[in-house]
Amino acid sequence: MYHSVMALKRTNVYADDSDLLLIKEAAARLGVPEAEIIREGIHRIALAHRVWDEPFVTDEETFDFGGPVDEGDVRSAVTHGYEERERRNRGDAA
């Protein structure tokens, strides 16, 4: 579950009865307050709509295969990119 370390502020929202029922059922099943389910939902949707100041990857971290790409190409590219990033994070020379 989502646990906030920041101060909570009270707000009012309108919700469909069917959504409130789902929240009530989930809270009962998990043994947590309904408010915790609602806070987690707010947090998740806020993150989903966040606009980042920096791109997720830089142009140097993208790949141009110049043609059709198969599963092996993707796996190899992701592995290579991951290894390069790890090497950079450790401060190793490329």
Protein backbone atom coordinates (compact mmCIF):
# COMPACT_ATOMS: atom_id res chain seq x y z
CA MET A 1 0.00 0.00 0.00
CA TYR A 2 0.96 3.62 -0.48
CA HIS A 3 2.28 5.28 2.67
CA SER A 4 2.73 9.02 2.53
CA VAL A 5 5.44 10.75 4.52
CA MET A 6 4.03 14.19 3.74
CA ALA A 7 1.27 15.97 5.63
CA LEU A 8 -2.20 15.01 4.47
CA LYS A 9 -4.78 17.59 3.44
CA ARG A 10 -8.51 17.08 3.46
CA THR A 11 -10.45 17.41 0.21
CA ASN A 12 -13.86 16.45 -1.11
CA VAL A 13 -14.40 14.43 -4.26
CA TYR A 14 -17.46 13.01 -5.99
CA ALA A 15 -17.38 9.33 -6.89
CA ASP A 16 -19.72 6.85 -8.51
CA ASP A 17 -21.51 4.47 -6.15
CA SER A 18 -20.01 1.51 -8.03
CA ASP A 19 -16.46 2.85 -7.50
CA LEU A 20 -17.12 3.45 -3.82
CA LEU A 21 -18.39 -0.12 -3.48
CA LEU A 22 -15.19 -1.45 -5.10
CA ILE A 23 -13.12 0.65 -2.70
CA LYS A 24 -15.13 -0.60 0.29
CA GLU A 25 -14.70 -4.23 -0.82
CA ALA A 26 -10.96 -3.82 -1.43
CA ALA A 27 -10.45 -2.14 1.94
CA ALA A 28 -12.31 -4.91 3.72
CA ARG A 29 -10.40 -7.62 1.86
CA LEU A 30 -7.03 -5.97 2.62
CA GLY A 31 -7.94 -4.93 6.17
CA VAL A 32 -7.11 -1.26 5.59
CA PRO A 33 -9.18 1.92 5.82
CA GLU A 34 -11.05 2.98 2.68
CA ALA A 35 -9.16 6.28 2.84
CA GLU A 36 -5.89 4.41 2.30
CA ILE A 37 -7.22 2.86 -0.92
CA ILE A 38 -8.39 6.29 -2.10
CA ARG A 39 -5.03 7.94 -1.25
CA GLU A 40 -3.16 5.21 -3.12
CA GLY A 41 -5.41 5.71 -6.14
CA ILE A 42 -4.84 9.46 -6.10
CA HIS A 43 -1.09 8.94 -5.83
CA ARG A 44 -0.98 6.45 -8.71
CA ILE A 45 -3.03 8.61 -11.07
CA ALA A 46 -0.99 11.69 -10.15
CA LEU A 47 2.21 9.83 -11.05
CA ALA A 48 0.66 8.51 -14.26
CA HIS A 49 -0.04 12.07 -15.41
CA ARG A 50 3.23 13.58 -14.20
CA VAL A 51 5.26 15.52 -16.76
CA TRP A 52 8.97 14.90 -16.33
CA ASP A 53 11.55 17.66 -16.79
CA GLU A 54 13.93 15.27 -18.54
CA PRO A 55 13.28 12.61 -21.19
CA PHE A 56 13.19 9.02 -19.97
CA VAL A 57 16.10 8.19 -22.27
CA THR A 58 18.56 10.40 -24.11
CA ASP A 59 19.17 10.27 -27.85
CA GLU A 60 22.39 8.36 -27.10
CA GLU A 61 20.33 5.68 -25.35
CA THR A 62 18.00 5.04 -28.29
CA PHE A 63 18.57 2.46 -31.00
CA ASP A 64 18.14 2.58 -34.78
CA PHE A 65 18.24 -0.91 -36.27
CA GLY A 66 17.46 0.40 -39.73
CA GLY A 67 14.85 -2.24 -40.49
CA PRO A 68 12.55 -4.90 -39.05
CA VAL A 69 13.28 -5.77 -35.44
CA ASP A 70 12.72 -9.18 -33.87
CA GLU A 71 12.58 -10.32 -30.25
CA GLY A 72 16.30 -11.13 -30.18
CA ASP A 73 17.19 -7.64 -31.42
CA VAL A 74 15.10 -6.06 -28.68
CA ARG A 75 16.53 -8.33 -25.97
CA SER A 76 20.09 -7.60 -27.13
CA ALA A 77 19.49 -3.83 -27.29
CA VAL A 78 17.90 -3.70 -23.84
CA THR A 79 20.70 -5.78 -22.34
CA HIS A 80 23.34 -3.59 -23.99
CA GLY A 81 21.61 -0.39 -22.84
CA TYR A 82 21.26 -1.69 -19.30
CA GLU A 83 24.92 -2.71 -19.13
CA GLU A 84 26.03 0.68 -20.50
CA ARG A 85 23.92 2.55 -17.96
CA GLU A 86 25.23 0.39 -15.09
CA ARG A 87 28.80 0.98 -16.25
CA ARG A 88 28.14 4.75 -16.39
CA ASN A 89 26.53 4.70 -12.94
CA ARG A 90 29.61 2.97 -11.50
CA GLY A 91 31.81 5.61 -13.14
CA ASP A 92 33.60 3.07 -15.36
CA ALA A 93 34.93 4.22 -18.71
CA ALA A 94 32.83 3.10 -21.67
